[in-house]
Amino acid sequence: MSTASSSSASPRPLHRVDVLDSFMTYRDVGIGSPVVFLHGNPTSSFVWRNVLPTVASHGRRCLAPDLIGMGDSGKPEIGYRFEDHARYLDAWFAALDLREVVLVGYDWGGILALDWARRHPDRVRGVAVFETFLQPMHWSEYPPQGAELFRALRTPGVGEKMVLEENGFLPKSLGNGVKTGLSEDARAAYYAPYPTPASRRPLLQWPRELPIDDEPADVTALVVRNGEWLQKTPALPKLLLTFDGKGLSNAPSVVEWAQRTMPNLDVVPLGAAGHHAPEDAPRAIADAIASWLERHGRS
C-alpha cells in the first residue's frame, strides 16, 4: 500500500510504498494510462519535476520513482549493483500493479527502462530514452578528461575517497551536466539525500557498473540483450531524443545504428542540453514525449 509522505506543494516525492526490505518514494501526477519516468546518477525523481505536469496534461498518469538508495527512497545494506536496482524496481512496479506502461528513462534510468520492458513485454506500450547506453562503451570513446575521471572512480580506494569521503562526484556531475546552471534550491534538493559517506554508496557504484570494454561482464551482456530486443519488437513504439554532442546515445554512429536496426523508432533532435537534460530542456522533452504518444494513439 502506498502512503502520502509530504504535501502537494513540496518538491519532494509525494508517495511511499514498501518494497522488499525497504521502501521507495515516487511522484504521481495526473490520471490516465501510466507513463513511468526513471532517473539516473546522481539525480532523483526531482529531475522530472518540470516534465511530469506537461505530459500529465495530455491525459496521462505520470509516475517517477526514486531509485533504491537515491532521493528519498530507503537505503538498505545492499551492493547497489544494477541487478539490485532492477530487483527493487521490479518490486515497485509490482506493488503499484502498473500495466500498459510507457517507460521514459535517461542515463541509468534508460537502461533500467529497457531492461524492465524487455522482461515484461506484456505490460509495456512504448519506450522513450535519451542520454543513455544503447550499446556497450569503449574507453577510446571517452574524451581524455572523462576517461581519467571514470577510471579513477572505478579504482578501489581512489573512488571511495572521491565520492564517499570528499563528496566530489555530485558537484562534478551536476556542474558538467547542466548547461543552464542550477538554482540554490535545486542544488540543495540534489545534495539532501547524500549527507554521509554511507549514503553516497549508490553514487559510487553506478560508475563501476558502466559497460566499458566488456567490464563488468554482466552489465555489458544486459546492454547487448536490450539492443537485440529493440531490434525484434516491430510493434513496440520507440522514441530516441537526441541533443547536441557526441556522447552516449547522441553519438552519430549510435543514432545511425538505431535508425537502421530498430523498427518503429522515432528520433527527435532537441538541440542543446547537458547530460541531465530535463534540467536544461524540460518543456522540449515533455512536448516531444507528448507528441510521440499522440502520434501512436493512446499507446
C-alpha atoms as a PDB file:
ATOM      1  CA  MET A   1       0.000   0.000   0.000  1.00  0.00           C
ATOM      2  CA  SER A   2       1.303   3.459  -0.877  1.00  0.00           C
ATOM      3  CA  THR A   3       1.096   6.366   1.519  1.00  0.00           C
ATOM      4  CA  ALA A   4       1.460  10.093   1.091  1.00  0.00           C
ATOM      5  CA  SER A   5       4.693  11.359   2.609  1.00  0.00           C
ATOM      6  CA  SER A   6       4.612  15.111   2.024  1.00  0.00           C
ATOM      7  CA  SER A   7       2.329  17.953   0.971  1.00  0.00           C
ATOM      8  CA  SER A   8       1.473  18.577  -2.680  1.00  0.00           C
ATOM      9  CA  ALA A   9       3.398  21.859  -2.550  1.00  0.00           C
ATOM     10  CA  SER A  10       6.621  20.057  -1.681  1.00  0.00           C
ATOM     11  CA  PRO A  11       9.174  19.403  -4.448  1.00  0.00           C
ATOM     12  CA  ARG A  12       9.904  16.080  -2.781  1.00  0.00           C
ATOM     13  CA  PRO A  13       8.193  12.809  -3.777  1.00  0.00           C
ATOM     14  CA  LEU A  14       4.608  12.613  -2.611  1.00  0.00           C
ATOM     15  CA  HIS A  15       4.161   8.873  -2.101  1.00  0.00           C
ATOM     16  CA  ARG A  16       5.949   5.996  -0.444  1.00  0.00           C
ATOM     17  CA  VAL A  17       5.483   2.258  -0.874  1.00  0.00           C
ATOM     18  CA  ASP A  18       7.110  -0.703   0.863  1.00  0.00           C
ATOM     19  CA  VAL A  19       9.349  -2.795  -1.414  1.00  0.00           C
ATOM     20  CA  LEU A  20      11.237  -5.916  -0.306  1.00  0.00           C
ATOM     21  CA  ASP A  21      13.092  -4.988   2.892  1.00  0.00           C
ATOM     22  CA  SER A  22      12.871  -1.220   2.359  1.00  0.00           C
ATOM     23  CA  PHE A  23      10.688   1.420   0.683  1.00  0.00           C
ATOM     24  CA  MET A  24      10.655   3.603  -2.416  1.00  0.00           C
ATOM     25  CA  THR A  25       9.270   7.101  -2.829  1.00  0.00           C
ATOM     26  CA  TYR A  26       7.772   8.427  -6.032  1.00  0.00           C
ATOM     27  CA  ARG A  27       5.929  11.282  -7.720  1.00  0.00           C
ATOM     28  CA  ASP A  28       2.468  10.616  -9.097  1.00  0.00           C
ATOM     29  CA  VAL A  29       0.798  13.280 -11.254  1.00  0.00           C
ATOM     30  CA  GLY A  30      -2.308  13.163 -13.440  1.00  0.00           C
ATOM     31  CA  ILE A  31      -4.743  10.435 -14.425  1.00  0.00           C
ATOM     32  CA  GLY A  32      -4.888   8.063 -17.368  1.00  0.00           C
ATOM     33  CA  SER A  33      -2.613   5.371 -18.760  1.00  0.00           C
ATOM     34  CA  PRO A  34       0.720   5.286 -16.896  1.00  0.00           C
ATOM     35  CA  VAL A  35       3.997   6.782 -18.067  1.00  0.00           C
ATOM     36  CA  VAL A  36       6.938   5.930 -15.788  1.00  0.00           C
ATOM     37  CA  PHE A  37       9.993   8.201 -15.719  1.00  0.00           C
ATOM     38  CA  LEU A  38      13.311   6.772 -14.474  1.00  0.00           C
ATOM     39  CA  HIS A  39      16.233   8.984 -13.459  1.00  0.00           C
ATOM     40  CA  GLY A  40      19.983   8.373 -13.495  1.00  0.00           C
ATOM     41  CA  ASN A  41      23.042   9.064 -11.341  1.00  0.00           C
ATOM     42  CA  PRO A  42      23.332  11.170  -9.164  1.00  0.00           C
ATOM     43  CA  THR A  43      19.851  12.638  -9.596  1.00  0.00           C
ATOM     44  CA  SER A  44      16.419  11.568  -8.340  1.00  0.00           C
ATOM     45  CA  SER A  45      12.794  11.916  -9.384  1.00  0.00           C
ATOM     46  CA  PHE A  46      13.294  15.629  -8.677  1.00  0.00           C
ATOM     47  CA  VAL A  47      14.892  15.881 -12.126  1.00  0.00           C
ATOM     48  CA  TRP A  48      11.468  15.227 -13.716  1.00  0.00           C
ATOM     49  CA  ARG A  49       9.578  17.876 -11.730  1.00  0.00           C
ATOM     50  CA  ASN A  50       9.182  20.209 -14.737  1.00  0.00           C
ATOM     51  CA  VAL A  51       8.438  17.417 -17.233  1.00  0.00           C
ATOM     52  CA  LEU A  52       5.663  15.493 -15.497  1.00  0.00           C
ATOM     53  CA  PRO A  53       2.967  18.226 -15.402  1.00  0.00           C
ATOM     54  CA  THR A  54       3.136  18.863 -19.152  1.00  0.00           C
ATOM     55  CA  VAL A  55       2.887  15.183 -20.086  1.00  0.00           C
ATOM     56  CA  ALA A  56       0.163  14.676 -17.457  1.00  0.00           C
ATOM     57  CA  SER A  57      -1.865  17.490 -19.032  1.00  0.00           C
ATOM     58  CA  HIS A  58      -2.258  15.254 -22.103  1.00  0.00           C
ATOM     59  CA  GLY A  59      -4.323  12.727 -20.165  1.00  0.00           C
ATOM     60  CA  ARG A  60      -1.567  10.594 -18.677  1.00  0.00           C
ATOM     61  CA  ARG A  61      -0.716   9.383 -15.216  1.00  0.00           C
ATOM     62  CA  CYS A  62       2.962  10.251 -14.800  1.00  0.00           C
ATOM     63  CA  LEU A  63       4.969   8.440 -12.143  1.00  0.00           C
ATOM     64  CA  ALA A  64       8.628   8.928 -11.258  1.00  0.00           C
ATOM     65  CA  PRO A  65      10.244   6.800  -8.540  1.00  0.00           C
ATOM     66  CA  ASP A  66      13.428   7.499  -6.648  1.00  0.00           C
ATOM     67  CA  LEU A  67      15.649   4.502  -7.320  1.00  0.00           C
ATOM     68  CA  ILE A  68      16.555   2.497  -4.247  1.00  0.00           C
ATOM     69  CA  GLY A  69      19.243   4.256  -2.176  1.00  0.00           C
ATOM     70  CA  MET A  70      18.653   7.508  -4.057  1.00  0.00           C
ATOM     71  CA  GLY A  71      16.460  10.532  -3.482  1.00  0.00           C
ATOM     72  CA  ASP A  72      14.048   9.958  -0.608  1.00  0.00           C
ATOM     73  CA  SER A  73      13.913   6.178  -1.045  1.00  0.00           C
ATOM     74  CA  GLY A  74      15.265   3.814   1.589  1.00  0.00           C
ATOM     75  CA  LYS A  75      18.955   2.984   1.824  1.00  0.00           C
ATOM     76  CA  PRO A  76      19.213  -0.730   2.626  1.00  0.00           C
ATOM     77  CA  GLU A  77      22.512  -2.524   3.142  1.00  0.00           C
ATOM     78  CA  ILE A  78      22.979  -3.821  -0.409  1.00  0.00           C
ATOM     79  CA  GLY A  79      25.703  -3.568  -3.049  1.00  0.00           C
ATOM     80  CA  TYR A  80      23.769  -1.141  -5.301  1.00  0.00           C
ATOM     81  CA  ARG A  81      24.750  -3.034  -8.409  1.00  0.00           C
ATOM     82  CA  PHE A  82      22.496  -2.802 -11.463  1.00  0.00           C
ATOM     83  CA  GLU A  83      20.807  -6.074 -10.522  1.00  0.00           C
ATOM     84  CA  ASP A  84      19.946  -4.651  -7.097  1.00  0.00           C
ATOM     85  CA  HIS A  85      18.282  -1.586  -8.615  1.00  0.00           C
ATOM     86  CA  ALA A  86      16.380  -3.791 -11.079  1.00  0.00           C
ATOM     87  CA  ARG A  87      15.179  -6.047  -8.265  1.00  0.00           C
ATOM     88  CA  TYR A  88      13.796  -3.184  -6.180  1.00  0.00           C
ATOM     89  CA  LEU A  89      12.312  -1.516  -9.240  1.00  0.00           C
ATOM     90  CA  ASP A  90      10.548  -4.784 -10.103  1.00  0.00           C
ATOM     91  CA  ALA A  91       9.061  -4.768  -6.605  1.00  0.00           C
ATOM     92  CA  TRP A  92       7.919  -1.145  -7.031  1.00  0.00           C
ATOM     93  CA  PHE A  93       6.124  -1.964 -10.301  1.00  0.00           C
ATOM     94  CA  ALA A  94       4.525  -4.987  -8.635  1.00  0.00           C
ATOM     95  CA  ALA A  95       3.402  -3.011  -5.585  1.00  0.00           C
ATOM     96  CA  LEU A  96       1.677  -0.422  -7.773  1.00  0.00           C
ATOM     97  CA  ASP A  97       0.383  -3.107 -10.178  1.00  0.00           C
ATOM     98  CA  LEU A  98       1.277  -0.960 -13.201  1.00  0.00           C
ATOM     99  CA  ARG A  99       0.315  -2.291 -16.617  1.00  0.00           C
ATOM    100  CA  GLU A 100       0.047  -0.942 -20.151  1.00  0.00           C
ATOM    101  CA  VAL A 101       3.079   1.196 -19.257  1.00  0.00           C
ATOM    102  CA  VAL A 102       5.123   3.614 -21.321  1.00  0.00           C
ATOM    103  CA  LEU A 103       8.648   3.937 -19.903  1.00  0.00           C
ATOM    104  CA  VAL A 104      10.869   7.007 -20.180  1.00  0.00           C
ATOM    105  CA  GLY A 105      14.461   6.962 -18.964  1.00  0.00           C
ATOM    106  CA  TYR A 106      17.802   8.697 -19.228  1.00  0.00           C
ATOM    107  CA  ASP A 107      21.281   7.712 -18.089  1.00  0.00           C
ATOM    108  CA  TRP A 108      20.901   4.553 -15.949  1.00  0.00           C
ATOM    109  CA  GLY A 109      17.162   5.106 -15.986  1.00  0.00           C
ATOM    110  CA  GLY A 110      17.281   4.387 -19.708  1.00  0.00           C
ATOM    111  CA  ILE A 111      18.943   1.008 -19.224  1.00  0.00           C
ATOM    112  CA  LEU A 112      16.580   0.152 -16.366  1.00  0.00           C
ATOM    113  CA  ALA A 113      13.604   1.118 -18.539  1.00  0.00           C
ATOM    114  CA  LEU A 114      14.720  -1.074 -21.443  1.00  0.00           C
ATOM    115  CA  ASP A 115      15.628  -3.949 -19.129  1.00  0.00           C
ATOM    116  CA  TRP A 116      12.222  -3.883 -17.410  1.00  0.00           C
ATOM    117  CA  ALA A 117      10.388  -3.566 -20.728  1.00  0.00           C
ATOM    118  CA  ARG A 118      12.336  -6.471 -22.239  1.00  0.00           C
ATOM    119  CA  ARG A 119      11.497  -8.700 -19.294  1.00  0.00           C
ATOM    120  CA  HIS A 120       7.819  -7.620 -19.119  1.00  0.00           C
ATOM    121  CA  PRO A 121       6.744  -7.285 -22.768  1.00  0.00           C
ATOM    122  CA  ASP A 122       3.073  -7.941 -21.952  1.00  0.00           C
ATOM    123  CA  ARG A 123       2.973  -4.873 -19.666  1.00  0.00           C
ATOM    124  CA  VAL A 124       4.700  -2.326 -21.939  1.00  0.00           C
ATOM    125  CA  ARG A 125       3.168   0.000 -24.535  1.00  0.00           C
ATOM    126  CA  GLY A 126       6.250   2.013 -25.520  1.00  0.00           C
ATOM    127  CA  VAL A 127       9.766   3.101 -24.533  1.00  0.00           C
ATOM    128  CA  ALA A 128      11.447   6.511 -24.764  1.00  0.00           C
ATOM    129  CA  VAL A 129      15.091   7.127 -23.868  1.00  0.00           C
ATOM    130  CA  PHE A 130      17.834   9.734 -24.135  1.00  0.00           C
ATOM    131  CA  GLU A 131      21.350  10.331 -22.825  1.00  0.00           C
ATOM    132  CA  THR A 132      21.699   6.613 -22.146  1.00  0.00           C
ATOM    133  CA  PHE A 133      23.572   3.485 -23.195  1.00  0.00           C
ATOM    134  CA  LEU A 134      22.181   1.677 -26.227  1.00  0.00           C
ATOM    135  CA  GLN A 135      25.449  -0.166 -26.831  1.00  0.00           C
ATOM    136  CA  PRO A 136      28.405  -1.140 -24.637  1.00  0.00           C
ATOM    137  CA  MET A 137      31.082   1.552 -24.389  1.00  0.00           C
ATOM    138  CA  HIS A 138      34.833   1.609 -25.001  1.00  0.00           C
ATOM    139  CA  TRP A 139      37.460   3.701 -23.257  1.00  0.00           C
ATOM    140  CA  SER A 140      38.536   5.006 -26.674  1.00  0.00           C
ATOM    141  CA  GLU A 141      35.143   6.754 -26.975  1.00  0.00           C
ATOM    142  CA  TYR A 142      35.733   8.874 -23.872  1.00  0.00           C
ATOM    143  CA  PRO A 143      37.480  12.250 -24.058  1.00  0.00           C
ATOM    144  CA  PRO A 144      40.725  12.217 -22.061  1.00  0.00           C
ATOM    145  CA  GLN A 145      39.282  14.066 -19.055  1.00  0.00           C
ATOM    146  CA  GLY A 146      36.227  11.809 -18.937  1.00  0.00           C
ATOM    147  CA  ALA A 147      38.321   8.670 -19.173  1.00  0.00           C
ATOM    148  CA  GLU A 148      40.593   9.899 -16.384  1.00  0.00           C
ATOM    149  CA  LEU A 149      37.622  10.649 -14.109  1.00  0.00           C
ATOM    150  CA  PHE A 150      35.803   7.363 -14.641  1.00  0.00           C
ATOM    151  CA  ARG A 151      38.960   5.262 -14.422  1.00  0.00           C
ATOM    152  CA  ALA A 152      39.601   6.909 -11.060  1.00  0.00           C
ATOM    153  CA  LEU A 153      36.036   6.270  -9.891  1.00  0.00           C
ATOM    154  CA  ARG A 154      36.428   2.595 -10.794  1.00  0.00           C
ATOM    155  CA  THR A 155      39.763   2.257  -8.950  1.00  0.00           C
ATOM    156  CA  PRO A 156      39.414   0.694  -5.464  1.00  0.00           C
ATOM    157  CA  GLY A 157      40.319   3.184  -2.762  1.00  0.00           C
ATOM    158  CA  VAL A 158      40.510   6.134  -5.162  1.00  0.00           C
ATOM    159  CA  GLY A 159      36.787   6.114  -5.959  1.00  0.00           C
ATOM    160  CA  GLU A 160      35.918   5.766  -2.276  1.00  0.00           C
ATOM    161  CA  LYS A 161      37.948   8.836  -1.427  1.00  0.00           C
ATOM    162  CA  MET A 162      36.482  10.905  -4.274  1.00  0.00           C
ATOM    163  CA  VAL A 163      32.829  10.019  -3.743  1.00  0.00           C
ATOM    164  CA  LEU A 164      32.331   8.764  -0.199  1.00  0.00           C
ATOM    165  CA  GLU A 165      34.851  10.860   1.710  1.00  0.00           C
ATOM    166  CA  GLU A 166      35.145  14.050  -0.353  1.00  0.00           C
ATOM    167  CA  ASN A 167      31.687  14.046  -1.990  1.00  0.00           C
ATOM    168  CA  GLY A 168      33.355  15.114  -5.230  1.00  0.00           C
ATOM    169  CA  PHE A 169      31.097  13.379  -7.737  1.00  0.00           C
ATOM    170  CA  LEU A 170      27.904  15.342  -7.058  1.00  0.00           C
ATOM    171  CA  PRO A 171      29.342  18.775  -7.911  1.00  0.00           C
ATOM    172  CA  LYS A 172      31.221  17.437 -10.942  1.00  0.00           C
ATOM    173  CA  SER A 173      28.203  15.667 -12.390  1.00  0.00           C
ATOM    174  CA  LEU A 174      25.736  18.465 -11.752  1.00  0.00           C
ATOM    175  CA  GLY A 175      28.207  21.160 -12.822  1.00  0.00           C
ATOM    176  CA  ASN A 176      29.182  19.462 -16.065  1.00  0.00           C
ATOM    177  CA  GLY A 177      25.754  18.001 -16.824  1.00  0.00           C
ATOM    178  CA  VAL A 178      23.513  21.076 -16.556  1.00  0.00           C
ATOM    179  CA  LYS A 179      24.296  23.786 -19.095  1.00  0.00           C
ATOM    180  CA  THR A 180      21.851  26.365 -17.735  1.00  0.00           C
ATOM    181  CA  GLY A 181      23.019  26.004 -14.132  1.00  0.00           C
ATOM    182  CA  LEU A 182      21.038  25.137 -11.029  1.00  0.00           C
ATOM    183  CA  SER A 183      19.319  27.369  -8.508  1.00  0.00           C
ATOM    184  CA  GLU A 184      20.455  27.045  -4.910  1.00  0.00           C
ATOM    185  CA  ASP A 185      17.166  25.338  -4.051  1.00  0.00           C
ATOM    186  CA  ALA A 186      17.586  22.771  -6.830  1.00  0.00           C
ATOM    187  CA  ARG A 187      21.180  22.113  -5.879  1.00  0.00           C
ATOM    188  CA  ALA A 188      20.130  21.627  -2.261  1.00  0.00           C
ATOM    189  CA  ALA A 189      17.451  19.143  -3.327  1.00  0.00           C
ATOM    190  CA  TYR A 190      20.041  17.033  -5.139  1.00  0.00           C
ATOM    191  CA  TYR A 191      22.502  17.164  -2.243  1.00  0.00           C
ATOM    192  CA  ALA A 192      19.973  16.452   0.531  1.00  0.00           C
ATOM    193  CA  PRO A 193      19.787  12.641   0.126  1.00  0.00           C
ATOM    194  CA  TYR A 194      23.566  12.211   0.490  1.00  0.00           C
ATOM    195  CA  PRO A 195      24.766  13.804   3.760  1.00  0.00           C
ATOM    196  CA  THR A 196      27.125  10.994   4.825  1.00  0.00           C
ATOM    197  CA  PRO A 197      29.723   8.734   3.205  1.00  0.00           C
ATOM    198  CA  ALA A 198      27.466   5.692   3.635  1.00  0.00           C
ATOM    199  CA  SER A 199      24.552   7.455   1.946  1.00  0.00           C
ATOM    200  CA  ARG A 200      26.701   8.074  -1.143  1.00  0.00           C
ATOM    201  CA  ARG A 201      27.408   4.408  -1.881  1.00  0.00           C
ATOM    202  CA  PRO A 202      24.962   4.262  -4.824  1.00  0.00           C
ATOM    203  CA  LEU A 203      26.686   7.271  -6.431  1.00  0.00           C
ATOM    204  CA  LEU A 204      29.995   5.406  -6.385  1.00  0.00           C
ATOM    205  CA  GLN A 205      28.685   2.039  -7.541  1.00  0.00           C
ATOM    206  CA  TRP A 206      26.946   3.381 -10.655  1.00  0.00           C
ATOM    207  CA  PRO A 207      30.204   4.411 -12.408  1.00  0.00           C
ATOM    208  CA  ARG A 208      31.566   0.956 -11.618  1.00  0.00           C
ATOM    209  CA  GLU A 209      28.593  -0.587 -13.431  1.00  0.00           C
ATOM    210  CA  LEU A 210      29.310   1.240 -16.710  1.00  0.00           C
ATOM    211  CA  PRO A 211      29.719  -1.351 -19.519  1.00  0.00           C
ATOM    212  CA  ILE A 212      33.185  -0.303 -20.741  1.00  0.00           C
ATOM    213  CA  ASP A 213      35.439  -2.690 -22.682  1.00  0.00           C
ATOM    214  CA  ASP A 214      33.342  -5.671 -21.544  1.00  0.00           C
ATOM    215  CA  GLU A 215      33.566  -4.886 -17.833  1.00  0.00           C
ATOM    216  CA  PRO A 216      31.522  -5.624 -15.847  1.00  0.00           C
ATOM    217  CA  ALA A 217      30.564  -8.586 -17.999  1.00  0.00           C
ATOM    218  CA  ASP A 218      27.012  -8.977 -16.716  1.00  0.00           C
ATOM    219  CA  VAL A 219      26.046  -5.364 -17.405  1.00  0.00           C
ATOM    220  CA  THR A 220      27.707  -5.492 -20.830  1.00  0.00           C
ATOM    221  CA  ALA A 221      25.678  -8.599 -21.685  1.00  0.00           C
ATOM    222  CA  LEU A 222      22.484  -6.945 -20.461  1.00  0.00           C
ATOM    223  CA  VAL A 223      23.009  -3.866 -22.659  1.00  0.00           C
ATOM    224  CA  VAL A 224      23.607  -6.155 -25.647  1.00  0.00           C
ATOM    225  CA  ARG A 225      20.381  -8.037 -24.857  1.00  0.00           C
ATOM    226  CA  ASN A 226      18.462  -4.766 -24.655  1.00  0.00           C
ATOM    227  CA  GLY A 227      19.758  -3.746 -28.078  1.00  0.00           C
ATOM    228  CA  GLU A 228      18.840  -7.092 -29.616  1.00  0.00           C
ATOM    229  CA  TRP A 229      15.368  -6.906 -28.109  1.00  0.00           C
ATOM    230  CA  LEU A 230      14.800  -3.402 -29.504  1.00  0.00           C
ATOM    231  CA  GLN A 231      15.527  -4.778 -32.969  1.00  0.00           C
ATOM    232  CA  LYS A 232      12.975  -7.601 -32.597  1.00  0.00           C
ATOM    233  CA  THR A 233       9.917  -5.618 -31.445  1.00  0.00           C
ATOM    234  CA  PRO A 234       8.337  -4.106 -34.577  1.00  0.00           C
ATOM    235  CA  ALA A 235       5.008  -3.448 -32.871  1.00  0.00           C
ATOM    236  CA  LEU A 236       6.507  -1.509 -29.956  1.00  0.00           C
ATOM    237  CA  PRO A 237       6.712   2.295 -30.395  1.00  0.00           C
ATOM    238  CA  LYS A 238      10.174   3.625 -29.552  1.00  0.00           C
ATOM    239  CA  LEU A 239      11.443   7.182 -29.115  1.00  0.00           C
ATOM    240  CA  LEU A 240      15.043   8.366 -29.016  1.00  0.00           C
ATOM    241  CA  LEU A 241      15.577  12.003 -28.076  1.00  0.00           C
ATOM    242  CA  THR A 242      18.965  13.408 -29.054  1.00  0.00           C
ATOM    243  CA  PHE A 243      20.863  16.514 -28.030  1.00  0.00           C
ATOM    244  CA  ASP A 244      23.894  18.366 -29.317  1.00  0.00           C
ATOM    245  CA  GLY A 245      27.104  16.471 -28.629  1.00  0.00           C
ATOM    246  CA  LYS A 246      28.629  13.138 -29.456  1.00  0.00           C
ATOM    247  CA  GLY A 247      28.366  11.187 -26.221  1.00  0.00           C
ATOM    248  CA  LEU A 248      26.252   8.149 -25.329  1.00  0.00           C
ATOM    249  CA  SER A 249      23.064   7.878 -27.410  1.00  0.00           C
ATOM    250  CA  ASN A 250      23.793  11.202 -29.127  1.00  0.00           C
ATOM    251  CA  ALA A 251      26.787   9.729 -30.971  1.00  0.00           C
ATOM    252  CA  PRO A 252      26.102   9.829 -34.737  1.00  0.00           C
ATOM    253  CA  SER A 253      27.192   6.207 -35.119  1.00  0.00           C
ATOM    254  CA  VAL A 254      24.783   5.102 -32.370  1.00  0.00           C
ATOM    255  CA  VAL A 255      21.885   7.113 -33.812  1.00  0.00           C
ATOM    256  CA  GLU A 256      22.548   5.706 -37.289  1.00  0.00           C
ATOM    257  CA  TRP A 257      22.687   2.162 -35.894  1.00  0.00           C
ATOM    258  CA  ALA A 258      19.421   2.668 -34.035  1.00  0.00           C
ATOM    259  CA  GLN A 259      17.661   4.099 -37.073  1.00  0.00           C
ATOM    260  CA  ARG A 260      18.920   1.274 -39.263  1.00  0.00           C
ATOM    261  CA  THR A 261      18.136  -1.632 -36.953  1.00  0.00           C
ATOM    262  CA  MET A 262      15.212  -0.674 -34.681  1.00  0.00           C
ATOM    263  CA  PRO A 263      11.726  -0.829 -36.182  1.00  0.00           C
ATOM    264  CA  ASN A 264       9.042   1.659 -35.166  1.00  0.00           C
ATOM    265  CA  LEU A 265      11.646   4.145 -33.907  1.00  0.00           C
ATOM    266  CA  ASP A 266      11.212   7.916 -33.922  1.00  0.00           C
ATOM    267  CA  VAL A 267      14.352  10.023 -33.477  1.00  0.00           C
ATOM    268  CA  VAL A 268      13.740  13.617 -32.377  1.00  0.00           C
ATOM    269  CA  PRO A 269      16.674  16.053 -32.072  1.00  0.00           C
ATOM    270  CA  LEU A 270      16.114  18.697 -29.390  1.00  0.00           C
ATOM    271  CA  GLY A 271      19.226  20.871 -29.632  1.00  0.00           C
ATOM    272  CA  ALA A 272      21.420  21.994 -26.776  1.00  0.00           C
ATOM    273  CA  ALA A 273      21.259  20.396 -23.325  1.00  0.00           C
ATOM    274  CA  GLY A 274      23.606  18.821 -20.827  1.00  0.00           C
ATOM    275  CA  HIS A 275      23.624  15.201 -19.746  1.00  0.00           C
ATOM    276  CA  HIS A 276      20.939  15.959 -17.137  1.00  0.00           C
ATOM    277  CA  ALA A 277      18.768  17.252 -19.960  1.00  0.00           C
ATOM    278  CA  PRO A 278      15.484  17.525 -18.001  1.00  0.00           C
ATOM    279  CA  GLU A 279      17.097  20.426 -16.134  1.00  0.00           C
ATOM    280  CA  ASP A 280      18.006  22.258 -19.351  1.00  0.00           C
ATOM    281  CA  ALA A 281      15.108  21.398 -21.657  1.00  0.00           C
ATOM    282  CA  PRO A 282      12.114  20.164 -19.638  1.00  0.00           C
ATOM    283  CA  ARG A 283       9.443  21.634 -21.899  1.00  0.00           C
ATOM    284  CA  ALA A 284      11.082  20.399 -25.097  1.00  0.00           C
ATOM    285  CA  ILE A 285      11.378  16.901 -23.634  1.00  0.00           C
ATOM    286  CA  ALA A 286       7.803  16.911 -22.353  1.00  0.00           C
ATOM    287  CA  ASP A 287       6.390  18.223 -25.632  1.00  0.00           C
ATOM    288  CA  ALA A 288       8.338  15.652 -27.667  1.00  0.00           C
ATOM    289  CA  ILE A 289       7.108  12.793 -25.475  1.00  0.00           C
ATOM    290  CA  ALA A 290       3.509  14.034 -25.512  1.00  0.00           C
ATOM    291  CA  SER A 291       3.581  14.459 -29.305  1.00  0.00           C
ATOM    292  CA  TRP A 292       5.049  10.972 -29.775  1.00  0.00           C
ATOM    293  CA  LEU A 293       2.354   9.482 -27.556  1.00  0.00           C
ATOM    294  CA  GLU A 294      -0.335  11.221 -29.592  1.00  0.00           C
ATOM    295  CA  ARG A 295       1.159  10.017 -32.868  1.00  0.00           C
ATOM    296  CA  HIS A 296       0.842   6.470 -31.622  1.00  0.00           C
ATOM    297  CA  GLY A 297      -2.733   6.899 -30.490  1.00  0.00           C
ATOM    298  CA  ARG A 298      -3.330   6.097 -26.868  1.00  0.00           C
ATOM    299  CA  SER A 299      -0.452   3.609 -26.758  1.00  0.00           C
END
